[in-house]
Structure formats: structure tokens, C-alpha cells
Amino acid sequence: MKIIKITIGDQEYNAVERDFEIAREEWNQYRLLDGGTVRVKTSVQKILLIVDENGNPTRTADGDLNVLVRHATEVVSSE
């Protein structure tokens, strides 16, 4: 496990990159009232688990893991 440093705003955190495979990635499609369409898809590029100085996962106040997801959103529209 390789711990890397990431900066969010003015705070620095320890993180571990998590390997993943795409299970399913779909487009959301919206019909506009004027007859056009807009399609939107979000694709994950990187998943980072925020860890403490010992490499242990950190958690939110609700007990969820602190995870940072870097992603790209694609938008396609037509008339």
C-alpha cells in the first residue's frame, strides 16, 4: 500500500489509490420539451481512500469511509 499526499483546498491528506473495474456505465437521457435531447454520463477516473498517518481508513462523523472520487462528466445534446 503506497500512501500519497493530496491537497483539497488548503488541507493536505494521506490517501491510498484504490483499484477498480467498471461494472456498468450508462448514459442518462433527458427529452427537452422543444424536442431536443440531452445525454449525460459520469465516468470515474480515480478512487482514493483517505487514510490516517498509519494507513488506516478514516471515517466521516456518520461512520462512512472518507473517499475521494475523481470523475469526468460527458454531456451530449441534440435538437
C-alpha atoms as a PDB file:
ATOM      1  CA  MET A   1       0.000   0.000   0.000  1.00  0.00           C
ATOM      2  CA  LYS A   2       1.522   3.275  -1.168  1.00  0.00           C
ATOM      3  CA  ILE A   3       0.332   6.357   0.718  1.00  0.00           C
ATOM      4  CA  ILE A   4       0.212   9.540  -1.357  1.00  0.00           C
ATOM      5  CA  LYS A   5      -0.415  13.151  -0.315  1.00  0.00           C
ATOM      6  CA  ILE A   6      -3.385  15.006  -1.794  1.00  0.00           C
ATOM      7  CA  THR A   7      -4.475  18.586  -1.263  1.00  0.00           C
ATOM      8  CA  ILE A   8      -8.121  19.664  -1.066  1.00  0.00           C
ATOM      9  CA  GLY A   9      -8.488  23.400  -0.656  1.00  0.00           C
ATOM     10  CA  ASP A  10      -5.808  24.338   1.869  1.00  0.00           C
ATOM     11  CA  GLN A  11      -5.794  20.938   3.632  1.00  0.00           C
ATOM     12  CA  GLU A  12      -3.388  18.076   2.934  1.00  0.00           C
ATOM     13  CA  TYR A  13      -4.465  14.451   3.402  1.00  0.00           C
ATOM     14  CA  ASN A  14      -2.945  10.982   3.176  1.00  0.00           C
ATOM     15  CA  ALA A  15      -4.654   8.751   0.636  1.00  0.00           C
ATOM     16  CA  VAL A  16      -4.401   5.350  -0.993  1.00  0.00           C
ATOM     17  CA  GLU A  17      -5.447   4.833  -4.605  1.00  0.00           C
ATOM     18  CA  ARG A  18      -7.964   2.002  -4.957  1.00  0.00           C
ATOM     19  CA  ASP A  19      -8.016  -0.273  -7.998  1.00  0.00           C
ATOM     20  CA  PHE A  20     -11.410  -0.759  -9.625  1.00  0.00           C
ATOM     21  CA  GLU A  21     -13.071  -2.112 -12.711  1.00  0.00           C
ATOM     22  CA  ILE A  22     -16.104  -0.650 -14.404  1.00  0.00           C
ATOM     23  CA  ALA A  23     -19.128  -2.828 -13.643  1.00  0.00           C
ATOM     24  CA  ARG A  24     -21.594  -0.666 -15.594  1.00  0.00           C
ATOM     25  CA  GLU A  25     -21.523   2.817 -17.052  1.00  0.00           C
ATOM     26  CA  GLU A  26     -24.650   4.218 -18.644  1.00  0.00           C
ATOM     27  CA  TRP A  27     -25.974   7.419 -20.148  1.00  0.00           C
ATOM     28  CA  ASN A  28     -28.896   9.306 -18.602  1.00  0.00           C
ATOM     29  CA  GLN A  29     -31.124  10.744 -21.297  1.00  0.00           C
ATOM     30  CA  TYR A  30     -33.465  13.716 -20.965  1.00  0.00           C
ATOM     31  CA  ARG A  31     -36.116  14.770 -23.502  1.00  0.00           C
ATOM     32  CA  LEU A  32     -36.465  18.529 -23.791  1.00  0.00           C
ATOM     33  CA  LEU A  33     -39.931  19.995 -24.243  1.00  0.00           C
ATOM     34  CA  ASP A  34     -38.804  21.573 -27.541  1.00  0.00           C
ATOM     35  CA  GLY A  35     -37.967  18.135 -28.966  1.00  0.00           C
ATOM     36  CA  GLY A  36     -34.238  18.043 -28.274  1.00  0.00           C
ATOM     37  CA  THR A  37     -32.387  15.623 -26.042  1.00  0.00           C
ATOM     38  CA  VAL A  38     -29.551  15.883 -23.566  1.00  0.00           C
ATOM     39  CA  ARG A  39     -27.497  12.856 -22.559  1.00  0.00           C
ATOM     40  CA  VAL A  40     -25.198  12.848 -19.511  1.00  0.00           C
ATOM     41  CA  LYS A  41     -22.678  10.279 -18.291  1.00  0.00           C
ATOM     42  CA  THR A  42     -20.266  10.449 -15.356  1.00  0.00           C
ATOM     43  CA  SER A  43     -17.133   8.298 -15.587  1.00  0.00           C
ATOM     44  CA  VAL A  44     -14.852   7.575 -12.634  1.00  0.00           C
ATOM     45  CA  GLN A  45     -11.170   8.230 -13.312  1.00  0.00           C
ATOM     46  CA  LYS A  46      -9.643   7.567  -9.886  1.00  0.00           C
ATOM     47  CA  ILE A  47     -10.810   6.433  -6.444  1.00  0.00           C
ATOM     48  CA  LEU A  48      -8.783   7.486  -3.393  1.00  0.00           C
ATOM     49  CA  LEU A  49      -9.345   6.279   0.172  1.00  0.00           C
ATOM     50  CA  ILE A  50      -8.389   8.896   2.773  1.00  0.00           C
ATOM     51  CA  VAL A  51      -6.214   7.322   5.496  1.00  0.00           C
ATOM     52  CA  ASP A  52      -4.551   8.407   8.726  1.00  0.00           C
ATOM     53  CA  GLU A  53      -0.784   8.572   9.310  1.00  0.00           C
ATOM     54  CA  ASN A  54      -0.736   4.798   9.986  1.00  0.00           C
ATOM     55  CA  GLY A  55      -2.561   3.929   6.759  1.00  0.00           C
ATOM     56  CA  ASN A  56      -5.879   3.173   8.469  1.00  0.00           C
ATOM     57  CA  PRO A  57      -9.058   4.333   6.693  1.00  0.00           C
ATOM     58  CA  THR A  58     -10.646   7.464   8.145  1.00  0.00           C
ATOM     59  CA  ARG A  59     -14.393   7.878   8.574  1.00  0.00           C
ATOM     60  CA  THR A  60     -16.939  10.660   8.493  1.00  0.00           C
ATOM     61  CA  ALA A  61     -18.987  11.664  11.545  1.00  0.00           C
ATOM     62  CA  ASP A  62     -21.690   9.273  10.244  1.00  0.00           C
ATOM     63  CA  GLY A  63     -19.210   6.370  10.104  1.00  0.00           C
ATOM     64  CA  ASP A  64     -18.804   6.261   6.320  1.00  0.00           C
ATOM     65  CA  LEU A  65     -15.355   5.873   4.767  1.00  0.00           C
ATOM     66  CA  ASN A  66     -13.756   9.100   3.524  1.00  0.00           C
ATOM     67  CA  VAL A  67     -13.429   8.505  -0.197  1.00  0.00           C
ATOM     68  CA  LEU A  68     -12.452  10.961  -2.919  1.00  0.00           C
ATOM     69  CA  VAL A  69     -13.669  10.155  -6.438  1.00  0.00           C
ATOM     70  CA  ARG A  70     -12.147  11.964  -9.382  1.00  0.00           C
ATOM     71  CA  HIS A  71     -14.527  11.862 -12.317  1.00  0.00           C
ATOM     72  CA  ALA A  72     -15.415  13.329 -15.691  1.00  0.00           C
ATOM     73  CA  THR A  73     -18.895  14.248 -16.832  1.00  0.00           C
ATOM     74  CA  GLU A  74     -19.743  13.988 -20.525  1.00  0.00           C
ATOM     75  CA  VAL A  75     -22.711  15.893 -21.967  1.00  0.00           C
ATOM     76  CA  VAL A  76     -24.155  15.411 -25.467  1.00  0.00           C
ATOM     77  CA  SER A  77     -27.117  17.363 -26.797  1.00  0.00           C
ATOM     78  CA  SER A  78     -29.131  17.231 -29.989  1.00  0.00           C
ATOM     79  CA  GLU A  79     -32.090  19.052 -31.494  1.00  0.00           C
END
